Structures are given as C-alpha cells and as structure tokens.
C-alpha cells in the first residue's frame, strides 16, 4: 500500500457537508449573533478508502461516527468561519492519516527455559515465606 500523503490527498466534494452553527462558550455578544462554529460531516462511503483504512477510521472516529456512516467534526476554536472550517478539515485529514498508518506486526515470543525456572523458583521462595507465617504451636 502506498504511503499516505496528507498534503496531496483531496477529499471529494460530494463527501463533505458543512453547516455553520452558533458556537458555545465565551465570546460576548458575538457568540450569540454569529454562526462561526463549523459542523463538518464527511461520508466515509464516498471517500473510497482501502478496507483496512476504512475500519481503522471507524475505530478512530468513535462517538463522532453516525449511524449513516458519516464522521461529524465540530470546530469552534476560532472566531471566524474560515478559520474554523480550516481547523475542521485539518483535524479530519489528521484522522485520515492516522487511519492509513499501519501498526507494526507483533511477533509472538515465549519465555526461555531459564526464565520459567526463575519464575518457579521465586514462587517457591514466596510460598516458603508465607508457610512460615503459620500459627505458632507450643509443644
């Protein structure tokens, strides 16, 4: 699989849907009047991703994934629509890059005979210490 390059990846226009809503939090009168927060919805089906990337993206999205297969990202960090739009898209591209990253395969290992012997010896030593804590019997 070729390496994913976030700079060169273009999200298809029909996969995106942007809605501008009023942001929450501080901001004075501006926050009540102007819809600056961006709600970015990206349809995963229209992206045409490889199966492994699609499955990992679903896992990364978590609660941001809707039942109809769209990832919803809300950006309201900035005071302007344009800055929030760029922020939402950048966050999605970052998520997409993580989805394309393949984890290294884990190679199974097993403990050596010496390691098993050390483990058993330490268990026997602890057992002897605990056995010595029994009630004292006067004879």
N, C-alpha and C. Protein backbone atom coordinates (compact mmCIF):
# COMPACT_ATOMS: atom_id res chain seq x y z
N UNK A 1 0.85 -1.18 0.00
CA UNK A 1 0.00 0.00 0.00
C UNK A 1 0.89 1.24 0.00
N UNK A 2 0.66 2.20 -0.88
CA UNK A 2 1.49 3.40 -0.92
C UNK A 2 1.30 4.24 0.33
N UNK A 3 2.34 4.97 0.67
CA UNK A 3 2.31 5.84 1.85
C UNK A 3 1.31 6.97 1.65
N UNK A 4 0.56 7.27 2.69
CA UNK A 4 -0.46 8.33 2.64
C UNK A 4 0.22 9.68 2.81
N UNK A 5 -0.07 10.60 1.91
CA UNK A 5 0.49 11.96 1.99
C UNK A 5 -0.66 12.93 2.23
N UNK A 6 -0.80 13.45 3.47
CA UNK A 6 -1.92 14.34 3.78
C UNK A 6 -1.98 15.59 2.90
N UNK A 7 -0.82 16.09 2.47
CA UNK A 7 -0.80 17.30 1.65
C UNK A 7 -1.41 17.07 0.27
N UNK A 8 -1.21 15.88 -0.26
CA UNK A 8 -1.67 15.62 -1.62
C UNK A 8 -3.07 15.00 -1.68
N UNK A 9 -3.62 14.60 -0.53
CA UNK A 9 -4.93 13.96 -0.53
C UNK A 9 -6.04 15.00 -0.68
N UNK A 10 -6.95 14.73 -1.60
CA UNK A 10 -8.08 15.64 -1.84
C UNK A 10 -9.36 14.89 -1.48
N UNK A 11 -10.13 15.48 -0.57
CA UNK A 11 -11.40 14.88 -0.17
C UNK A 11 -12.42 15.22 -1.25
N UNK A 12 -13.13 14.22 -1.79
CA UNK A 12 -14.15 14.52 -2.81
C UNK A 12 -15.21 15.48 -2.27
N UNK A 13 -15.62 16.43 -3.10
CA UNK A 13 -16.57 17.46 -2.67
C UNK A 13 -17.92 16.87 -2.28
N UNK A 14 -18.33 15.79 -2.94
CA UNK A 14 -19.63 15.21 -2.61
C UNK A 14 -19.61 14.44 -1.29
N UNK A 15 -18.41 14.21 -0.72
CA UNK A 15 -18.31 13.52 0.56
C UNK A 15 -18.42 14.49 1.73
N UNK A 16 -18.29 15.79 1.46
CA UNK A 16 -18.30 16.81 2.50
C UNK A 16 -19.64 17.51 2.61
N UNK A 17 -19.99 17.85 3.84
CA UNK A 17 -21.15 18.70 4.08
C UNK A 17 -20.80 19.59 5.27
N UNK A 18 -20.88 20.90 5.07
CA UNK A 18 -20.56 21.83 6.14
C UNK A 18 -21.82 22.59 6.55
N UNK A 19 -21.94 22.75 7.86
CA UNK A 19 -23.05 23.53 8.40
C UNK A 19 -22.46 24.48 9.43
N UNK A 20 -22.87 25.73 9.39
CA UNK A 20 -22.37 26.71 10.34
C UNK A 20 -23.41 26.90 11.43
N UNK A 21 -22.96 26.77 12.68
CA UNK A 21 -23.85 26.90 13.83
C UNK A 21 -23.24 27.88 14.81
N UNK A 22 -24.05 28.35 15.77
CA UNK A 22 -23.51 29.27 16.78
C UNK A 22 -22.64 28.47 17.73
N UNK A 23 -21.52 29.05 18.08
CA UNK A 23 -20.56 28.38 18.97
C UNK A 23 -21.01 28.54 20.41
N UNK A 24 -20.48 27.69 21.26
CA UNK A 24 -20.77 27.82 22.69
C UNK A 24 -19.54 28.41 23.37
N UNK A 25 -19.70 28.76 24.63
CA UNK A 25 -18.56 29.26 25.40
C UNK A 25 -18.45 30.77 25.38
N UNK A 26 -17.34 31.30 25.87
CA UNK A 26 -17.16 32.75 25.97
C UNK A 26 -17.04 33.40 24.60
N UNK A 27 -17.32 34.67 24.54
CA UNK A 27 -17.22 35.40 23.28
C UNK A 27 -18.11 36.62 23.25
N UNK A 28 -18.81 36.86 24.34
CA UNK A 28 -19.63 38.07 24.43
C UNK A 28 -20.81 38.02 23.48
N UNK A 29 -21.19 39.18 22.97
CA UNK A 29 -22.35 39.29 22.08
C UNK A 29 -22.12 38.54 20.76
N UNK A 30 -20.88 38.49 20.33
CA UNK A 30 -20.55 37.88 19.04
C UNK A 30 -21.00 36.42 18.98
N UNK A 31 -20.83 35.70 20.09
CA UNK A 31 -21.13 34.28 20.11
C UNK A 31 -22.63 34.03 19.95
N UNK A 32 -23.46 34.96 20.38
CA UNK A 32 -24.91 34.79 20.28
C UNK A 32 -25.46 35.15 18.91
N UNK A 33 -24.75 36.00 18.18
CA UNK A 33 -25.29 36.53 16.92
C UNK A 33 -24.73 35.85 15.68
N UNK A 34 -23.50 35.42 15.72
CA UNK A 34 -22.81 34.97 14.51
C UNK A 34 -22.57 33.46 14.56
N UNK A 35 -22.93 32.77 13.49
CA UNK A 35 -22.71 31.32 13.41
C UNK A 35 -21.30 31.06 12.89
N UNK A 36 -20.35 30.96 13.81
CA UNK A 36 -18.95 30.79 13.40
C UNK A 36 -18.46 29.36 13.54
N UNK A 37 -19.12 28.56 14.37
CA UNK A 37 -18.68 27.16 14.54
C UNK A 37 -19.04 26.36 13.30
N UNK A 38 -18.18 25.42 12.94
CA UNK A 38 -18.40 24.59 11.76
C UNK A 38 -18.69 23.16 12.19
N UNK A 39 -19.73 22.60 11.61
CA UNK A 39 -20.04 21.18 11.80
C UNK A 39 -19.75 20.50 10.47
N UNK A 40 -18.63 19.80 10.42
CA UNK A 40 -18.19 19.14 9.19
C UNK A 40 -18.63 17.69 9.23
N UNK A 41 -19.39 17.27 8.21
CA UNK A 41 -19.83 15.87 8.08
C UNK A 41 -19.15 15.29 6.85
N UNK A 42 -18.45 14.18 7.04
CA UNK A 42 -17.74 13.52 5.95
C UNK A 42 -18.30 12.11 5.82
N UNK A 43 -18.82 11.80 4.66
CA UNK A 43 -19.36 10.46 4.39
C UNK A 43 -18.21 9.51 4.09
N UNK A 44 -18.08 8.48 4.91
CA UNK A 44 -16.97 7.55 4.74
C UNK A 44 -17.13 6.70 3.49
N UNK A 45 -18.36 6.44 3.09
CA UNK A 45 -18.60 5.61 1.92
C UNK A 45 -18.12 6.28 0.63
N UNK A 46 -18.18 7.60 0.59
CA UNK A 46 -17.82 8.33 -0.63
C UNK A 46 -16.32 8.62 -0.74
N UNK A 47 -15.55 8.25 0.28
CA UNK A 47 -14.11 8.51 0.25
C UNK A 47 -13.34 7.48 -0.57
N UNK A 48 -13.88 6.29 -0.72
CA UNK A 48 -13.21 5.24 -1.49
C UNK A 48 -11.92 4.79 -0.84
N UNK A 49 -11.97 4.51 0.46
CA UNK A 49 -10.78 4.11 1.20
C UNK A 49 -10.54 2.61 1.08
N UNK A 50 -9.27 2.19 1.24
CA UNK A 50 -9.00 0.75 1.35
C UNK A 50 -9.66 0.20 2.62
N UNK A 51 -9.97 -1.08 2.64
CA UNK A 51 -10.73 -1.68 3.74
C UNK A 51 -10.04 -1.47 5.10
N UNK A 52 -8.73 -1.67 5.16
CA UNK A 52 -8.02 -1.53 6.44
C UNK A 52 -8.11 -0.10 6.96
N UNK A 53 -7.94 0.89 6.06
CA UNK A 53 -8.02 2.29 6.47
C UNK A 53 -9.44 2.65 6.88
N UNK A 54 -10.42 2.12 6.17
CA UNK A 54 -11.83 2.37 6.48
C UNK A 54 -12.17 1.86 7.88
N UNK A 55 -11.74 0.63 8.20
CA UNK A 55 -12.02 0.06 9.51
C UNK A 55 -11.32 0.82 10.62
N UNK A 56 -10.08 1.21 10.38
CA UNK A 56 -9.34 1.95 11.41
C UNK A 56 -9.93 3.35 11.60
N UNK A 57 -10.40 3.97 10.53
CA UNK A 57 -11.02 5.29 10.62
C UNK A 57 -12.31 5.20 11.43
N UNK A 58 -13.07 4.15 11.24
CA UNK A 58 -14.29 3.95 12.03
C UNK A 58 -13.95 3.83 13.51
N UNK A 59 -12.86 3.12 13.81
CA UNK A 59 -12.45 2.95 15.21
C UNK A 59 -11.97 4.29 15.79
N UNK A 60 -11.20 5.05 15.00
CA UNK A 60 -10.69 6.34 15.47
C UNK A 60 -11.81 7.35 15.69
N UNK A 61 -12.83 7.30 14.83
CA UNK A 61 -13.92 8.27 14.92
C UNK A 61 -14.72 8.07 16.20
N UNK A 62 -14.93 6.83 16.60
CA UNK A 62 -15.62 6.55 17.85
C UNK A 62 -17.03 7.12 17.87
N UNK A 63 -17.30 7.98 18.86
CA UNK A 63 -18.64 8.54 19.02
C UNK A 63 -18.95 9.61 17.97
N UNK A 64 -17.96 10.04 17.22
CA UNK A 64 -18.20 11.03 16.16
C UNK A 64 -18.78 10.40 14.90
N UNK A 65 -18.87 9.08 14.87
CA UNK A 65 -19.41 8.37 13.72
C UNK A 65 -20.92 8.21 13.89
N UNK A 66 -21.69 8.59 12.87
CA UNK A 66 -23.14 8.48 12.92
C UNK A 66 -23.58 7.13 12.35
N UNK A 67 -24.87 6.81 12.51
CA UNK A 67 -25.40 5.54 12.02
C UNK A 67 -25.37 5.46 10.49
N UNK A 68 -25.44 6.60 9.83
CA UNK A 68 -25.43 6.58 8.36
C UNK A 68 -24.02 6.63 7.78
N UNK A 69 -22.99 6.40 8.60
CA UNK A 69 -21.61 6.30 8.11
C UNK A 69 -20.93 7.62 7.85
N UNK A 70 -21.27 8.66 8.60
CA UNK A 70 -20.63 9.96 8.44
C UNK A 70 -19.88 10.31 9.72
N UNK A 71 -18.72 10.91 9.56
CA UNK A 71 -17.95 11.40 10.70
C UNK A 71 -18.30 12.87 10.88
N UNK A 72 -18.66 13.26 12.10
CA UNK A 72 -19.04 14.65 12.39
C UNK A 72 -17.94 15.28 13.24
N UNK A 73 -17.37 16.36 12.73
CA UNK A 73 -16.33 17.09 13.45
C UNK A 73 -16.84 18.51 13.67
N UNK A 74 -16.84 18.95 14.93
CA UNK A 74 -17.29 20.31 15.26
C UNK A 74 -16.06 21.12 15.63
N UNK A 75 -15.87 22.24 14.92
CA UNK A 75 -14.74 23.12 15.18
C UNK A 75 -15.26 24.49 15.58
N UNK A 76 -14.89 24.93 16.76
CA UNK A 76 -15.34 26.24 17.24
C UNK A 76 -14.25 26.96 18.03
N UNK A 77 -13.00 26.59 17.73
CA UNK A 77 -11.87 27.17 18.45
C UNK A 77 -11.62 28.63 18.10
N UNK A 78 -11.94 29.00 16.86
CA UNK A 78 -11.60 30.34 16.37
C UNK A 78 -12.84 31.22 16.24
N UNK A 79 -12.62 32.51 15.98
CA UNK A 79 -13.72 33.47 15.93
C UNK A 79 -14.30 33.64 14.53
N UNK A 80 -13.64 33.06 13.53
CA UNK A 80 -14.15 33.24 12.16
C UNK A 80 -14.55 31.89 11.56
N UNK A 81 -15.50 31.94 10.64
CA UNK A 81 -15.95 30.74 9.96
C UNK A 81 -14.81 30.09 9.19
N UNK A 82 -14.05 30.89 8.50
CA UNK A 82 -12.98 30.36 7.64
C UNK A 82 -11.92 29.62 8.47
N UNK A 83 -11.53 30.22 9.60
CA UNK A 83 -10.53 29.57 10.45
C UNK A 83 -11.08 28.26 11.02
N UNK A 84 -12.33 28.24 11.42
CA UNK A 84 -12.93 27.02 11.95
C UNK A 84 -13.09 25.97 10.85
N UNK A 85 -13.40 26.40 9.64
CA UNK A 85 -13.51 25.47 8.51
C UNK A 85 -12.17 24.79 8.26
N UNK A 86 -11.09 25.59 8.23
CA UNK A 86 -9.75 25.03 8.02
C UNK A 86 -9.37 24.09 9.15
N UNK A 87 -9.73 24.46 10.39
CA UNK A 87 -9.42 23.64 11.55
C UNK A 87 -10.13 22.29 11.46
N UNK A 88 -11.41 22.29 11.09
CA UNK A 88 -12.18 21.05 10.98
C UNK A 88 -11.59 20.14 9.90
N UNK A 89 -11.27 20.73 8.76
CA UNK A 89 -10.70 19.92 7.67
C UNK A 89 -9.33 19.38 8.04
N UNK A 90 -8.52 20.18 8.71
CA UNK A 90 -7.19 19.73 9.12
C UNK A 90 -7.30 18.58 10.13
N UNK A 91 -8.26 18.67 11.04
CA UNK A 91 -8.46 17.60 12.02
C UNK A 91 -8.91 16.31 11.34
N UNK A 92 -9.75 16.44 10.32
CA UNK A 92 -10.18 15.24 9.62
C UNK A 92 -9.03 14.62 8.82
N UNK A 93 -8.24 15.45 8.15
CA UNK A 93 -7.08 14.95 7.39
C UNK A 93 -6.11 14.24 8.33
N UNK A 94 -5.92 14.79 9.53
CA UNK A 94 -5.03 14.15 10.51
C UNK A 94 -5.59 12.78 10.92
N UNK A 95 -6.91 12.71 11.11
CA UNK A 95 -7.54 11.43 11.46
C UNK A 95 -7.38 10.44 10.31
N UNK A 96 -7.50 10.93 9.08
CA UNK A 96 -7.35 10.09 7.90
C UNK A 96 -5.92 9.56 7.79
N UNK A 97 -4.95 10.42 8.10
CA UNK A 97 -3.54 10.00 8.06
C UNK A 97 -3.29 8.91 9.10
N UNK A 98 -3.89 9.05 10.28
CA UNK A 98 -3.74 8.02 11.32
C UNK A 98 -4.37 6.71 10.86
N UNK A 99 -5.48 6.80 10.14
CA UNK A 99 -6.16 5.59 9.67
C UNK A 99 -5.32 4.85 8.64
N UNK A 100 -4.54 5.57 7.85
CA UNK A 100 -3.71 4.93 6.83
C UNK A 100 -2.42 4.37 7.40
N UNK A 101 -2.07 4.75 8.63
CA UNK A 101 -0.84 4.28 9.25
C UNK A 101 -1.04 2.82 9.68
N UNK A 102 -0.17 1.93 9.22
CA UNK A 102 -0.26 0.51 9.59
C UNK A 102 0.62 0.27 10.81
N UNK A 103 0.06 -0.38 11.81
CA UNK A 103 0.82 -0.73 13.00
C UNK A 103 1.79 -1.86 12.67
N UNK A 104 2.92 -1.88 13.36
CA UNK A 104 3.89 -2.95 13.15
C UNK A 104 3.30 -4.26 13.65
N UNK A 105 3.57 -5.35 12.92
CA UNK A 105 3.04 -6.64 13.33
C UNK A 105 3.76 -7.12 14.58
N UNK A 106 3.00 -7.66 15.50
CA UNK A 106 3.58 -8.17 16.73
C UNK A 106 4.10 -9.58 16.48
N UNK A 107 5.32 -9.81 16.92
CA UNK A 107 5.93 -11.12 16.77
C UNK A 107 5.81 -11.85 18.10
N UNK A 108 5.16 -13.00 18.09
CA UNK A 108 4.97 -13.75 19.32
C UNK A 108 6.32 -14.24 19.84
N UNK A 109 6.49 -14.15 21.14
CA UNK A 109 7.70 -14.66 21.78
C UNK A 109 7.27 -15.56 22.93
N UNK A 110 8.15 -16.45 23.35
CA UNK A 110 7.82 -17.26 24.52
C UNK A 110 9.00 -17.22 25.47
N UNK A 111 8.74 -17.34 26.78
CA UNK A 111 9.84 -17.26 27.74
C UNK A 111 10.79 -18.45 27.60
N UNK A 112 12.05 -18.16 27.90
CA UNK A 112 13.07 -19.22 27.80
C UNK A 112 12.92 -20.19 28.98
N UNK A 113 13.61 -21.33 28.90
CA UNK A 113 13.56 -22.31 30.00
C UNK A 113 14.11 -21.70 31.28
N UNK A 114 15.18 -20.92 31.15
CA UNK A 114 15.79 -20.30 32.33
C UNK A 114 14.81 -19.31 32.98
N UNK A 115 14.08 -18.55 32.17
CA UNK A 115 13.11 -17.58 32.71
C UNK A 115 11.97 -18.31 33.42
N UNK A 116 11.52 -19.44 32.85
CA UNK A 116 10.48 -20.24 33.50
C UNK A 116 10.98 -20.78 34.84
N UNK A 117 12.23 -21.26 34.85
CA UNK A 117 12.81 -21.80 36.08
C UNK A 117 12.93 -20.72 37.15
N UNK A 118 13.37 -19.52 36.77
CA UNK A 118 13.48 -18.41 37.72
C UNK A 118 12.11 -18.07 38.31
N UNK A 119 11.08 -18.08 37.47
CA UNK A 119 9.73 -17.77 37.92
C UNK A 119 9.27 -18.81 38.94
N UNK A 120 9.48 -20.08 38.65
CA UNK A 120 9.07 -21.15 39.57
C UNK A 120 9.85 -21.04 40.88
N UNK A 121 11.16 -20.77 40.79
CA UNK A 121 11.98 -20.64 42.00
C UNK A 121 11.49 -19.48 42.88
N UNK A 122 11.13 -18.36 42.27
CA UNK A 122 10.66 -17.22 43.06
C UNK A 122 9.30 -17.53 43.69
N UNK A 123 8.45 -18.28 42.97
CA UNK A 123 7.16 -18.68 43.55
C UNK A 123 7.37 -19.61 44.74
N UNK A 124 8.33 -20.52 44.63
CA UNK A 124 8.62 -21.44 45.74
C UNK A 124 9.15 -20.67 46.95
N UNK A 125 9.99 -19.66 46.68
CA UNK A 125 10.56 -18.86 47.77
C UNK A 125 9.46 -18.09 48.50
N UNK A 126 8.53 -17.50 47.75
CA UNK A 126 7.41 -16.77 48.36
C UNK A 126 6.52 -17.73 49.15
N UNK A 127 6.31 -18.92 48.59
CA UNK A 127 5.49 -19.92 49.26
C UNK A 127 6.10 -20.31 50.60
N UNK A 128 7.44 -20.48 50.63
CA UNK A 128 8.13 -20.84 51.87
C UNK A 128 7.99 -19.72 52.90
N UNK A 129 8.11 -18.46 52.48
CA UNK A 129 7.97 -17.32 53.39
C UNK A 129 6.57 -17.31 53.99
N UNK A 130 5.56 -17.51 53.15
CA UNK A 130 4.18 -17.48 53.63
C UNK A 130 3.86 -18.69 54.51
N UNK A 131 4.45 -19.83 54.19
CA UNK A 131 4.21 -21.02 55.01
C UNK A 131 4.80 -20.83 56.41
N UNK A 132 5.87 -20.06 56.49
CA UNK A 132 6.50 -19.79 57.78
C UNK A 132 5.69 -18.83 58.64
N UNK A 133 4.64 -18.24 58.12
CA UNK A 133 3.82 -17.29 58.88
C UNK A 133 2.68 -17.98 59.62
N UNK A 134 2.66 -19.30 59.59
CA UNK A 134 1.56 -20.03 60.23
C UNK A 134 1.50 -19.78 61.71
N UNK A 135 0.43 -20.29 62.36
CA UNK A 135 0.26 -20.13 63.81
C UNK A 135 1.36 -20.89 64.55
N UNK A 136 1.76 -20.33 65.63
CA UNK A 136 2.80 -20.94 66.46
C UNK A 136 2.17 -22.02 67.31
N UNK A 137 2.76 -23.22 67.27
CA UNK A 137 2.26 -24.32 68.10
C UNK A 137 3.29 -24.61 69.19
N UNK A 138 2.89 -24.46 70.44
CA UNK A 138 3.79 -24.75 71.56
C UNK A 138 3.67 -26.24 71.89
N UNK A 139 4.80 -26.92 71.96
CA UNK A 139 4.77 -28.36 72.25
C UNK A 139 5.50 -28.66 73.52
